[in-house]
Every structure is written in structure tokens, then in C-alpha cells.
Amino acid sequence: MIPFERFLQLPVEEIAALVKASGQKAVVFPVNGTRRWFMLEHADKIGNDFFEAYMNESIRNHVQLCSMMFDHGIHTLLVPVFGRELIRRGDEYTKRVGMDGLIRTATDRNYRDFFEEYKVRVRFYGDYREVLKSIEFESVLGSLHEVTKATRDNTSHNLYFGVFADKATETIARLSVEHYLAHGAIPDKATLIRKYYGEDLPPVSLFIGFDKFSVFDMPLLATGEEDLYFSVSPSPYMTERQLRTILYDHLYVRRAPEPDYTRMSADELDWLRQYYRANKDLAFGVGRLKFNLWIPQTGNKP
């Protein structure tokens, strides 16, 4: 095992090689807390159009985050962007952030340059076709088709945007029935993954979230063996050190075999006993309210 501090200092190319050597990685990274981050870090850029400034800064940040992950050896990113809760935020937010955001995947120069430089194949998953038609935004589908077509020959990385992927059960049931009617056989999981995502995808390796602990929008790819991480700061604040810390934990710390308790020394058992007794009142995922925002309980209280 490489010592942690040495791992943090490795050139990015060496970390990428270590990540790739451990198997192709599919990472779910819902970028949450963007409005909070924008108001705290970019309020001076709001001007006369909040949504325009917010989208410009959010897209630039998202490209930086995706680039950093791809540089560190991640092959496939699944990015849930919004579900049906978007519609409850009002017509203006739905249009200016949700729909315009989808259109910008095809039109924004930051995205287009990024897709070209990193050879990123872009796809969308979820019930977006049916939902967009039902809320009268069917015209947005043209932009999604455009960026999918423009990047279909890219093979270095995959970027999947999850759009209305929060209720996948009915879609998967429909795909199963269609397959049975066409082939007279029940589809296996690999077949359903191809039908739902458009190609073969490996199981999710890591889920990196923010805020209250919740795992979502990765239908068919969750196995219960994915490693879960939740940042204290909103997703746009992610640093290279935070990403490397997560990768180190995933590659080495969680892969270490469990010891034989009968062979542990008395000192080792005593340390473990005292540690668990000292922390028996604590639970990960417990938070407190500050300004009516859920803040995780940590040792770093402002």
C-alpha cells in the first residue's frame, strides 16, 4: 500500500494509472449545492440576470470538476442533474436552469471545447423524453440529440447526464415487456442496462454526494458494493486533494482484508474497544440546522 501522504504528492498521471489498473471506474457525481456555492463565491457577478450568471459559472465549474476526475483515471461519469422535483421549483427556474441547462450541453463553448479536448462521449438517461413532452419542452430534445450525435465517436471518456431518472421502475418494466414480446425471453441485467443506457456499463464504483446522505439516480448499476462518499462542502468546492483522498480510500483503505480477531494482540483489541466505546453515541449522517440548512456534525464548527 502506498503511504497516504505520498499518494497525495504523486503526479496526476501516476494516480490515473493506478486507478485504471484497478478496473474501469463508473462514478456517480450529482453536483449539488450549486446555488449555495454561487451565492457565496460569485455574488458579485450576478448583475441584472441571476440565472444567466448562475449558469455561466456553474458550467465552468462543472467542466473543471469533470476534467479533474477524467485526469485522475475515471472513465465514466454519471451526473444526475435533476428529477421531477425541478418542476416544483416554478416555471422560471424550470426553464432558465433546467431546460436552458440541457440546451447548453450542445451550445455552450465551455462544454463543446471540453468534449472535444477530452474526447468525451455524451449521453442522457432517464425518462426525459416522456417528461419533456408532458411539460411542453419537447423542443429541447433536439439539443440532446445534437450533442449525442456530435460526440458519438469519442471513446476516451463517457459523460452521462441523468435527466428525470428518479422514477426508473416503470421504464425498466416497459423495456422488459418489450424485450419479452420481441424475443420471447426475460431480459437479463446486462440486456436491460444496454436498453436503458444505450450501451454496456460497469457497476458503479463510487458515489460522491453532498448534503444529507442519500444515494439516487443510478438505476441498474448499483450493486451494494459501491463506495459512498459525502462532502461537507457543496460539490462545486471539490479540490484535487479531496478527490485524491477519496480515490486513496477507494483503492486501498476499503480493499484491505478484515483481520482475524482471534489473532489480534491484546493491545490492538484494547485500542479498538476504547475507540468504539468512546464513539458509541456518534453516527455518520447526523446533522444540525444552521440558517435552516442541514449541516453535518463535524469537529469543524464555525
Protein backbone atom coordinates (compact mmCIF):
# COMPACT_ATOMS: atom_id res chain seq x y z
CA MET A 1 0.00 0.00 0.00
CA ILE A 2 1.33 3.44 -0.94
CA PRO A 3 1.53 5.76 2.09
CA PHE A 4 -1.27 8.32 2.04
CA GLU A 5 0.91 11.43 2.06
CA ARG A 6 3.00 10.04 -0.79
CA PHE A 7 -0.15 9.28 -2.78
CA LEU A 8 -1.22 12.91 -2.40
CA GLN A 9 2.08 14.04 -3.93
CA LEU A 10 2.12 11.67 -6.93
CA PRO A 11 1.92 13.18 -10.43
CA VAL A 12 -1.62 13.05 -11.73
CA GLU A 13 -0.56 10.63 -14.50
CA GLU A 14 0.62 8.08 -11.92
CA ILE A 15 -2.62 8.27 -9.97
CA ALA A 16 -4.58 7.86 -13.19
CA ALA A 17 -2.56 4.74 -13.99
CA LEU A 18 -3.25 3.28 -10.54
CA VAL A 19 -6.97 4.00 -10.86
CA LYS A 20 -7.17 2.44 -14.33
CA ALA A 21 -5.18 -0.61 -13.23
CA SER A 22 -7.84 -1.37 -10.60
CA GLY A 23 -10.57 -1.64 -13.25
CA GLN A 24 -12.72 0.72 -15.28
CA LYS A 25 -14.45 3.15 -12.95
CA ALA A 26 -18.02 4.40 -13.22
CA VAL A 27 -18.56 7.26 -10.77
CA VAL A 28 -21.89 8.86 -9.88
CA PHE A 29 -21.34 12.53 -9.10
CA PRO A 30 -24.50 14.60 -8.63
CA VAL A 31 -23.25 18.17 -8.38
CA ASN A 32 -25.38 19.55 -5.56
CA GLY A 33 -25.34 22.81 -3.64
CA THR A 34 -24.55 24.88 -6.73
CA ARG A 35 -26.86 27.78 -5.86
CA ARG A 36 -25.40 27.96 -2.37
CA TRP A 37 -21.86 27.94 -3.78
CA PHE A 38 -22.74 30.55 -6.40
CA MET A 39 -24.23 32.96 -3.88
CA LEU A 40 -21.25 32.55 -1.54
CA GLU A 41 -18.48 32.77 -4.13
CA HIS A 42 -19.85 34.64 -7.15
CA ALA A 43 -22.50 37.05 -5.89
CA ASP A 44 -20.54 39.95 -7.41
CA LYS A 45 -21.19 38.53 -10.89
CA ILE A 46 -24.98 38.38 -10.68
CA GLY A 47 -25.63 41.66 -12.49
CA ASN A 48 -29.12 42.06 -13.91
CA ASP A 49 -29.71 38.40 -14.74
CA PHE A 50 -29.23 35.94 -11.89
CA PHE A 51 -29.93 32.84 -13.93
CA GLU A 52 -27.52 33.77 -16.73
CA ALA A 53 -24.67 34.43 -14.31
CA TYR A 54 -25.50 31.32 -12.32
CA MET A 55 -25.49 29.06 -15.38
CA ASN A 56 -22.26 30.54 -16.75
CA GLU A 57 -20.33 29.97 -13.51
CA SER A 58 -21.92 26.56 -12.86
CA ILE A 59 -20.97 25.24 -16.29
CA ARG A 60 -17.39 26.49 -15.98
CA ASN A 61 -17.13 24.81 -12.59
CA HIS A 62 -18.70 21.58 -13.84
CA VAL A 63 -16.21 21.35 -16.69
CA GLN A 64 -13.35 21.83 -14.22
CA LEU A 65 -14.68 19.08 -11.94
CA CYS A 66 -15.22 16.60 -14.77
CA SER A 67 -11.79 17.37 -16.23
CA MET A 68 -10.16 16.74 -12.85
CA MET A 69 -11.89 13.37 -12.50
CA PHE A 70 -11.02 12.27 -16.01
CA ASP A 71 -7.41 13.38 -15.47
CA HIS A 72 -7.29 11.11 -12.42
CA GLY A 73 -8.30 8.00 -14.34
CA ILE A 74 -12.11 7.98 -14.11
CA HIS A 75 -13.58 6.60 -17.32
CA THR A 76 -17.34 7.11 -16.91
CA LEU A 77 -19.18 9.83 -15.01
CA LEU A 78 -22.90 9.64 -14.34
CA VAL A 79 -24.18 13.06 -13.39
CA PRO A 80 -27.81 13.22 -12.20
CA VAL A 81 -28.80 16.81 -12.94
CA PHE A 82 -32.43 16.91 -11.88
CA GLY A 83 -35.56 14.86 -11.39
CA ARG A 84 -39.23 15.67 -11.24
CA GLU A 85 -38.67 17.93 -8.24
CA LEU A 86 -37.39 20.52 -10.76
CA ILE A 87 -40.94 21.21 -11.90
CA ARG A 88 -41.97 22.10 -8.34
CA ARG A 89 -39.42 24.94 -8.28
CA GLY A 90 -41.52 27.08 -10.60
CA ASP A 91 -41.77 27.85 -14.29
CA GLU A 92 -38.87 30.32 -14.45
CA TYR A 93 -36.41 28.04 -12.67
CA THR A 94 -37.53 25.07 -14.77
CA LYS A 95 -36.94 26.99 -17.98
CA ARG A 96 -33.86 29.05 -17.15
CA VAL A 97 -31.92 26.41 -15.23
CA GLY A 98 -33.40 23.04 -16.23
CA MET A 99 -34.25 23.44 -19.91
CA ASP A 100 -31.65 26.05 -20.80
CA GLY A 101 -29.08 23.95 -18.97
CA LEU A 102 -29.86 20.96 -21.17
CA ILE A 103 -29.68 23.09 -24.31
CA ARG A 104 -26.29 24.42 -23.22
CA THR A 105 -24.78 20.94 -23.29
CA ALA A 106 -24.93 21.34 -27.08
CA THR A 107 -24.32 25.09 -27.39
CA ASP A 108 -22.05 26.27 -24.57
CA ARG A 109 -18.47 26.78 -25.71
CA ASN A 110 -17.06 25.52 -22.40
CA TYR A 111 -18.84 22.20 -22.82
CA ARG A 112 -18.09 21.86 -26.51
CA ASP A 113 -14.39 22.54 -26.10
CA PHE A 114 -14.24 20.15 -23.16
CA PHE A 115 -15.97 17.33 -25.05
CA GLU A 116 -13.55 17.78 -27.94
CA GLU A 117 -10.36 18.07 -25.87
CA TYR A 118 -11.10 15.07 -23.64
CA LYS A 119 -12.85 13.02 -26.34
CA VAL A 120 -15.97 12.68 -24.22
CA ARG A 121 -18.99 10.77 -25.42
CA VAL A 122 -22.13 12.41 -24.05
CA ARG A 123 -25.37 10.56 -23.42
CA PHE A 124 -28.55 11.14 -21.46
CA TYR A 125 -30.51 8.66 -19.38
CA GLY A 126 -33.85 8.77 -17.60
CA ASP A 127 -37.45 9.42 -18.58
CA TYR A 128 -36.59 12.77 -20.17
CA ARG A 129 -38.35 12.11 -23.47
CA GLU A 130 -41.70 11.41 -21.86
CA VAL A 131 -41.43 14.15 -19.23
CA LEU A 132 -40.26 16.85 -21.65
CA LYS A 133 -43.20 16.07 -23.89
CA SER A 134 -45.63 16.22 -20.96
CA ILE A 135 -44.39 19.65 -19.77
CA GLU A 136 -44.25 21.06 -23.30
CA PHE A 137 -40.48 21.26 -23.64
CA GLU A 138 -40.19 18.65 -26.37
CA SER A 139 -38.11 21.09 -28.44
CA VAL A 140 -35.21 20.57 -26.01
CA LEU A 141 -34.82 17.03 -27.31
CA GLY A 142 -33.21 18.43 -30.46
CA SER A 143 -30.27 19.77 -28.44
CA LEU A 144 -29.82 16.46 -26.64
CA HIS A 145 -29.80 14.62 -29.95
CA GLU A 146 -27.33 17.14 -31.35
CA VAL A 147 -24.70 16.73 -28.63
CA THR A 148 -25.18 12.96 -28.56
CA LYS A 149 -24.59 12.77 -32.30
CA ALA A 150 -21.66 15.19 -32.24
CA THR A 151 -19.78 13.17 -29.60
CA ARG A 152 -20.77 9.61 -30.52
CA ASP A 153 -17.35 8.76 -31.97
CA ASN A 154 -15.45 9.90 -28.87
CA THR A 155 -14.11 6.96 -26.90
CA SER A 156 -11.80 8.25 -24.15
CA HIS A 157 -14.48 9.05 -21.58
CA ASN A 158 -18.23 8.80 -21.05
CA LEU A 159 -20.39 11.52 -19.51
CA TYR A 160 -23.98 10.54 -18.77
CA PHE A 161 -26.42 13.23 -17.71
CA GLY A 162 -29.30 11.86 -15.64
CA VAL A 163 -32.49 13.70 -16.59
CA PHE A 164 -35.70 12.69 -14.84
CA ALA A 165 -34.07 9.40 -13.84
CA ASP A 166 -35.72 9.43 -10.41
CA LYS A 167 -38.55 7.01 -11.26
CA ALA A 168 -36.99 4.27 -13.32
CA THR A 169 -39.17 1.35 -12.25
CA GLU A 170 -41.88 1.83 -14.87
CA THR A 171 -39.34 2.42 -17.63
CA ILE A 172 -37.43 -0.75 -16.76
CA ALA A 173 -40.69 -2.69 -16.59
CA ARG A 174 -41.68 -1.41 -20.03
CA LEU A 175 -38.29 -2.31 -21.50
CA SER A 176 -38.59 -5.80 -20.02
CA VAL A 177 -42.03 -6.35 -21.54
CA GLU A 178 -40.91 -5.03 -24.93
CA HIS A 179 -37.92 -7.36 -24.89
CA TYR A 180 -40.08 -10.34 -23.95
CA LEU A 181 -42.59 -9.62 -26.70
CA ALA A 182 -39.79 -9.29 -29.27
CA HIS A 183 -37.64 -12.24 -28.17
CA GLY A 184 -39.86 -14.49 -26.05
CA ALA A 185 -37.41 -14.35 -23.15
CA ILE A 186 -36.97 -12.33 -19.97
CA PRO A 187 -34.02 -9.92 -20.38
CA ASP A 188 -31.04 -10.32 -18.07
CA LYS A 189 -29.49 -7.37 -16.26
CA ALA A 190 -26.83 -6.73 -18.90
CA THR A 191 -29.51 -6.52 -21.59
CA LEU A 192 -31.57 -4.07 -19.55
CA ILE A 193 -28.51 -1.89 -18.96
CA ARG A 194 -27.91 -1.72 -22.71
CA LYS A 195 -31.54 -0.84 -23.36
CA TYR A 196 -31.71 1.77 -20.60
CA TYR A 197 -28.32 3.49 -21.11
CA GLY A 198 -27.71 2.69 -24.76
CA GLU A 199 -24.57 0.63 -24.19
CA ASP A 200 -22.84 -1.66 -21.72
CA LEU A 201 -21.78 -0.03 -18.47
CA PRO A 202 -19.94 -1.47 -15.47
CA PRO A 203 -21.39 -1.35 -11.96
CA VAL A 204 -20.92 1.91 -10.10
CA SER A 205 -17.62 2.05 -8.21
CA LEU A 206 -18.10 5.30 -6.28
CA PHE A 207 -20.93 7.66 -5.42
CA ILE A 208 -19.81 11.15 -4.37
CA GLY A 209 -22.63 13.21 -2.89
CA PHE A 210 -23.19 16.28 -0.76
CA ASP A 211 -25.64 17.25 1.98
CA LYS A 212 -27.91 14.70 3.68
CA PHE A 213 -26.77 11.15 2.98
CA SER A 214 -28.84 9.91 0.05
CA VAL A 215 -27.98 7.72 -2.95
CA PHE A 216 -30.08 8.15 -6.06
CA ASP A 217 -30.47 8.12 -9.85
CA MET A 218 -28.21 5.23 -10.83
CA PRO A 219 -30.75 2.60 -11.96
CA LEU A 220 -29.47 -0.93 -12.62
CA LEU A 221 -25.84 0.00 -11.85
CA ALA A 222 -25.98 -0.16 -8.05
CA THR A 223 -24.83 -3.45 -6.55
CA GLY A 224 -24.46 -2.55 -2.87
CA GLU A 225 -20.69 -2.79 -3.26
CA GLU A 226 -20.14 0.79 -4.45
CA ASP A 227 -18.20 3.04 -2.08
CA LEU A 228 -20.20 6.03 -0.82
CA TYR A 229 -18.69 9.44 -0.03
CA PHE A 230 -20.37 12.67 1.05
CA SER A 231 -18.59 16.01 1.12
CA VAL A 232 -19.09 18.59 3.85
CA SER A 233 -18.90 21.49 1.38
CA PRO A 234 -21.14 21.76 -1.70
CA SER A 235 -19.93 19.74 -4.69
CA PRO A 236 -18.51 22.74 -6.63
CA TYR A 237 -15.92 23.21 -3.87
CA MET A 238 -14.27 19.84 -4.59
CA THR A 239 -10.49 20.13 -4.62
CA GLU A 240 -7.84 17.85 -6.07
CA ARG A 241 -6.85 16.86 -2.53
CA GLN A 242 -10.43 15.84 -1.72
CA LEU A 243 -10.65 13.74 -4.88
CA ARG A 244 -7.29 12.10 -4.18
CA THR A 245 -8.37 11.37 -0.61
CA ILE A 246 -11.49 9.64 -1.92
CA LEU A 247 -9.53 7.67 -4.52
CA TYR A 248 -6.98 6.56 -1.92
CA ASP A 249 -9.73 5.33 0.36
CA HIS A 250 -11.40 3.51 -2.54
CA LEU A 251 -8.21 1.90 -3.84
CA TYR A 252 -6.54 0.90 -0.59
CA VAL A 253 -8.38 1.53 2.66
CA ARG A 254 -11.66 -0.21 1.77
CA ARG A 255 -9.91 -3.01 -0.08
CA ALA A 256 -7.87 -4.13 2.95
CA PRO A 257 -8.93 -7.60 4.16
CA GLU A 258 -10.64 -7.80 7.55
CA PRO A 259 -8.32 -9.15 10.27
CA ASP A 260 -8.70 -12.41 12.15
CA TYR A 261 -9.89 -11.13 15.53
CA THR A 262 -8.57 -14.23 17.28
CA ARG A 263 -5.05 -13.33 16.17
CA MET A 264 -5.13 -9.68 17.22
CA SER A 265 -2.95 -8.71 20.16
CA ALA A 266 -4.35 -7.59 23.50
CA ASP A 267 -3.14 -4.03 22.79
CA GLU A 268 -4.88 -3.98 19.41
CA LEU A 269 -8.14 -5.26 20.86
CA ASP A 270 -7.90 -2.75 23.70
CA TRP A 271 -7.41 0.16 21.27
CA LEU A 272 -10.40 -0.99 19.23
CA ARG A 273 -12.54 -1.45 22.33
CA GLN A 274 -11.73 2.02 23.65
CA TYR A 275 -12.33 3.60 20.24
CA TYR A 276 -15.80 2.08 19.87
CA ARG A 277 -16.76 2.85 23.45
CA ALA A 278 -15.65 6.47 23.07
CA ASN A 279 -17.74 6.91 19.91
CA LYS A 280 -20.82 4.83 20.74
CA ASP A 281 -23.07 7.92 20.84
CA LEU A 282 -21.99 9.10 17.37
CA ALA A 283 -23.48 8.25 13.97
CA PHE A 284 -22.47 9.39 10.50
CA GLY A 285 -25.24 11.26 8.71
CA VAL A 286 -26.47 13.20 11.73
CA GLY A 287 -26.64 16.95 11.21
CA ARG A 288 -27.84 20.22 12.68
CA LEU A 289 -29.71 23.20 11.29
CA LYS A 290 -27.87 26.44 10.63
CA PHE A 291 -29.76 29.21 8.81
CA ASN A 292 -32.34 26.46 8.19
CA LEU A 293 -29.72 24.48 6.23
CA TRP A 294 -28.75 20.94 7.17
CA ILE A 295 -25.08 20.95 8.19
CA PRO A 296 -23.31 17.65 9.04
CA GLN A 297 -21.98 17.25 12.56
CA THR A 298 -18.20 17.52 12.36
CA GLY A 299 -15.43 18.74 14.57
CA ASN A 300 -15.13 21.92 12.48
CA LYS A 301 -17.78 24.21 13.89
CA PRO A 302 -17.54 27.86 12.73
